[in-house]
Amino acid sequence: NMQAGFKVYLDSAKYFLKKDAQKSIEYVTRALEPGQNKNLSKSENSQAFEILGDINLFWNQPDLAVDNYKRSLQNTLSTEVSIKLAKAFAQNKNYQESIATLQNLLKGNLSPYQKVEVYESLGDTYKAIGDGIKSVFNYQKALDVMTRGEVGRGGAAGTLVAAAIAINAYNPAVWGTIAGLT
């Protein structure tokens, strides 16, 4: 069963992603190899290139991650992959491309969690280019989505503690909100 083989290779690639880059890449390569009577769907190509991008980003190869996320998006448009692409752009110091990608995402239909991720990434990117005002503004927007209770109590709450510090380390109301989320 070709579909099963593809899925097994990608699952193996994910398993080794943070342990062994070479092994992880080999599994994705196997998943992408054309076999007898085997044509990959756009969705499968998209998944494979997304995982390659994830491997590249984790192992600090943002230029390769950008290329692979773009290839993933050429096959299937995905908000999640677009957010990852923006992060790869920023890690590769392509800050304007990162900002443009994130601002474009805000025009679309995002889940509350995705909104938090996009605003937080904008905050990080503006911080990286030394624009403190826009950085704090975007961290505040992320916090606003959190405090409206649109996002479940998850991993995002922890990352926003840093945003709260950036906004106002001495504002007890902010800390009360964060304490309620964690």
Protein backbone atom coordinates (compact mmCIF):
# COMPACT_ATOMS: atom_id res chain seq x y z
CA ASN A 1 0.00 0.00 0.00
CA MET A 2 1.69 3.16 -1.26
CA GLN A 3 -0.30 5.53 0.97
CA ALA A 4 0.72 3.56 4.06
CA GLY A 5 4.38 3.61 2.98
CA PHE A 6 4.25 7.38 2.47
CA LYS A 7 2.68 7.91 5.90
CA VAL A 8 5.17 5.58 7.61
CA TYR A 9 8.11 7.46 6.04
CA LEU A 10 6.73 10.84 7.12
CA ASP A 11 5.97 9.58 10.64
CA SER A 12 9.56 8.29 10.85
CA ALA A 13 10.85 11.65 9.59
CA LYS A 14 8.87 13.43 12.34
CA TYR A 15 10.14 10.97 14.95
CA PHE A 16 13.80 11.66 14.07
CA LEU A 17 13.31 15.41 13.41
CA LYS A 18 14.92 16.57 16.68
CA LYS A 19 17.26 13.58 17.08
CA ASP A 20 18.96 13.05 13.72
CA ALA A 21 18.58 15.51 10.84
CA GLN A 22 20.18 13.21 8.27
CA LYS A 23 17.95 10.25 9.09
CA SER A 24 14.88 12.50 9.15
CA ILE A 25 15.72 13.95 5.71
CA GLU A 26 16.34 10.43 4.32
CA TYR A 27 12.82 9.38 5.35
CA VAL A 28 11.24 12.40 3.66
CA THR A 29 13.33 11.71 0.55
CA ARG A 30 12.05 8.12 0.51
CA ALA A 31 8.48 9.36 0.87
CA LEU A 32 9.00 11.66 -2.15
CA GLU A 33 10.64 9.01 -4.35
CA PRO A 34 8.49 8.02 -7.30
CA GLY A 35 7.77 4.32 -7.27
CA GLN A 36 5.91 1.94 -9.53
CA ASN A 37 2.35 3.15 -10.11
CA LYS A 38 2.92 5.81 -7.49
CA ASN A 39 2.11 9.45 -8.04
CA LEU A 40 2.06 11.69 -5.01
CA SER A 41 -0.91 13.99 -4.57
CA LYS A 42 -0.44 17.73 -4.10
CA SER A 43 -1.42 17.24 -0.46
CA GLU A 44 1.29 14.57 0.04
CA ASN A 45 3.94 16.73 -1.66
CA SER A 46 2.86 19.62 0.53
CA GLN A 47 3.17 17.54 3.73
CA ALA A 48 6.61 16.22 2.76
CA PHE A 49 8.04 19.67 1.98
CA GLU A 50 6.53 21.08 5.19
CA ILE A 51 8.36 18.42 7.21
CA LEU A 52 11.60 19.18 5.32
CA GLY A 53 11.08 22.83 6.27
CA ASP A 54 10.50 21.83 9.90
CA ILE A 55 13.76 19.84 9.89
CA ASN A 56 15.65 22.77 8.33
CA LEU A 57 14.22 25.28 10.82
CA PHE A 58 14.97 23.06 13.83
CA TRP A 59 18.58 22.49 12.68
CA ASN A 60 19.07 26.22 12.03
CA GLN A 61 19.01 26.19 8.21
CA PRO A 62 16.40 28.93 7.69
CA ASP A 63 17.32 29.52 4.02
CA LEU A 64 16.49 25.87 3.20
CA ALA A 65 13.38 26.06 5.40
CA VAL A 66 12.14 29.07 3.37
CA ASP A 67 12.57 27.12 0.12
CA ASN A 68 10.83 24.00 1.44
CA TYR A 69 7.91 25.89 3.01
CA LYS A 70 7.44 27.74 -0.30
CA ARG A 71 7.38 24.39 -2.14
CA SER A 72 4.85 23.08 0.37
CA LEU A 73 2.62 26.14 -0.20
CA GLN A 74 2.91 25.76 -4.01
CA ASN A 75 1.23 22.35 -3.59
CA THR A 76 -1.38 23.24 -0.96
CA LEU A 77 -2.08 26.60 0.69
CA SER A 78 -1.98 26.35 4.48
CA THR A 79 -2.13 28.97 7.22
CA GLU A 80 0.09 26.82 9.46
CA VAL A 81 2.80 26.53 6.79
CA SER A 82 2.54 30.25 6.03
CA ILE A 83 3.17 31.03 9.72
CA LYS A 84 6.19 28.70 9.63
CA LEU A 85 7.41 30.42 6.44
CA ALA A 86 7.20 33.82 8.17
CA LYS A 87 9.25 32.45 11.10
CA ALA A 88 11.82 31.01 8.67
CA PHE A 89 12.05 34.39 6.88
CA ALA A 90 12.70 36.11 10.23
CA GLN A 91 15.28 33.51 11.29
CA ASN A 92 17.00 34.07 7.92
CA LYS A 93 16.96 37.84 8.61
CA ASN A 94 14.48 38.47 5.75
CA TYR A 95 12.48 40.64 8.14
CA GLN A 96 10.40 42.54 5.59
CA GLU A 97 9.28 39.28 3.92
CA SER A 98 8.38 37.93 7.36
CA ILE A 99 6.32 41.03 8.21
CA ALA A 100 4.58 41.01 4.81
CA THR A 101 3.69 37.30 5.16
CA LEU A 102 2.32 37.80 8.68
CA GLN A 103 0.34 40.93 7.81
CA ASN A 104 -1.14 39.11 4.84
CA LEU A 105 -2.23 36.27 7.15
CA LEU A 106 -4.10 38.75 9.37
CA LYS A 107 -6.35 39.56 6.39
CA GLY A 108 -7.48 35.93 6.29
CA ASN A 109 -9.61 33.81 8.56
CA LEU A 110 -7.42 32.78 11.51
CA SER A 111 -8.28 30.71 14.55
CA PRO A 112 -7.70 32.54 17.85
CA TYR A 113 -4.58 30.45 18.45
CA GLN A 114 -3.23 31.37 14.98
CA LYS A 115 -3.95 35.06 15.68
CA VAL A 116 -1.85 34.84 18.84
CA GLU A 117 0.94 33.12 16.91
CA VAL A 118 0.89 35.72 14.13
CA TYR A 119 0.84 38.73 16.49
CA GLU A 120 3.56 37.18 18.63
CA SER A 121 5.71 36.53 15.53
CA LEU A 122 5.15 40.13 14.40
CA GLY A 123 6.23 41.26 17.87
CA ASP A 124 9.37 39.13 17.66
CA THR A 125 10.20 40.36 14.14
CA TYR A 126 9.74 44.04 14.99
CA LYS A 127 11.85 43.48 18.11
CA ALA A 128 14.59 41.95 15.93
CA ILE A 129 14.70 45.08 13.73
CA GLY A 130 14.66 47.39 16.75
CA ASP A 131 11.12 48.76 16.36
CA GLY A 132 10.07 48.67 20.00
CA ILE A 133 6.75 50.44 19.50
CA LYS A 134 5.44 48.07 16.82
CA SER A 135 6.87 45.14 18.75
CA VAL A 136 4.99 46.01 21.94
CA PHE A 137 1.84 46.84 19.94
CA ASN A 138 1.79 43.35 18.42
CA TYR A 139 2.58 41.61 21.73
CA GLN A 140 -0.35 43.58 23.18
CA LYS A 141 -2.63 42.40 20.34
CA ALA A 142 -1.59 38.80 21.11
CA LEU A 143 -2.38 39.35 24.79
CA ASP A 144 -5.75 40.89 23.90
CA VAL A 145 -6.75 37.72 22.04
CA MET A 146 -5.59 35.67 25.05
CA THR A 147 -7.40 37.80 27.64
CA ARG A 148 -10.66 37.64 25.68
CA GLY A 149 -10.52 33.94 26.50
CA GLU A 150 -10.61 32.89 22.85
CA VAL A 151 -7.62 30.61 23.28
CA GLY A 152 -7.67 27.57 25.54
CA ARG A 153 -5.17 27.23 28.34
CA GLY A 154 -2.26 25.91 26.33
CA GLY A 155 1.37 26.43 25.45
CA ALA A 156 0.71 29.93 24.17
CA ALA A 157 0.03 31.19 27.69
CA GLY A 158 3.61 30.47 28.73
CA THR A 159 5.16 32.20 25.75
CA LEU A 160 3.06 35.28 26.43
CA VAL A 161 4.59 35.74 29.86
CA ALA A 162 7.55 37.21 27.95
CA ALA A 163 5.15 39.47 26.06
CA ALA A 164 3.67 40.68 29.34
CA ILE A 165 7.17 41.58 30.54
CA ALA A 166 7.80 43.49 27.31
CA ILE A 167 4.53 45.40 27.70
CA ASN A 168 4.62 46.33 31.35
CA ALA A 169 6.54 44.36 33.93
CA TYR A 170 4.93 46.23 36.84
CA ASN A 171 1.29 46.13 35.80
CA PRO A 172 -0.47 43.80 38.27
CA ALA A 173 -3.52 43.51 35.99
CA VAL A 174 -1.35 41.96 33.28
CA TRP A 175 0.16 39.51 35.75
CA GLY A 176 -3.28 38.62 37.10
CA THR A 177 -4.39 37.74 33.57
CA ILE A 178 -1.29 35.66 32.90
CA ALA A 179 -1.62 33.88 36.26
CA GLY A 180 -5.19 32.98 35.34
CA LEU A 181 -4.08 31.45 32.05
CA THR A 182 -1.20 29.30 33.22
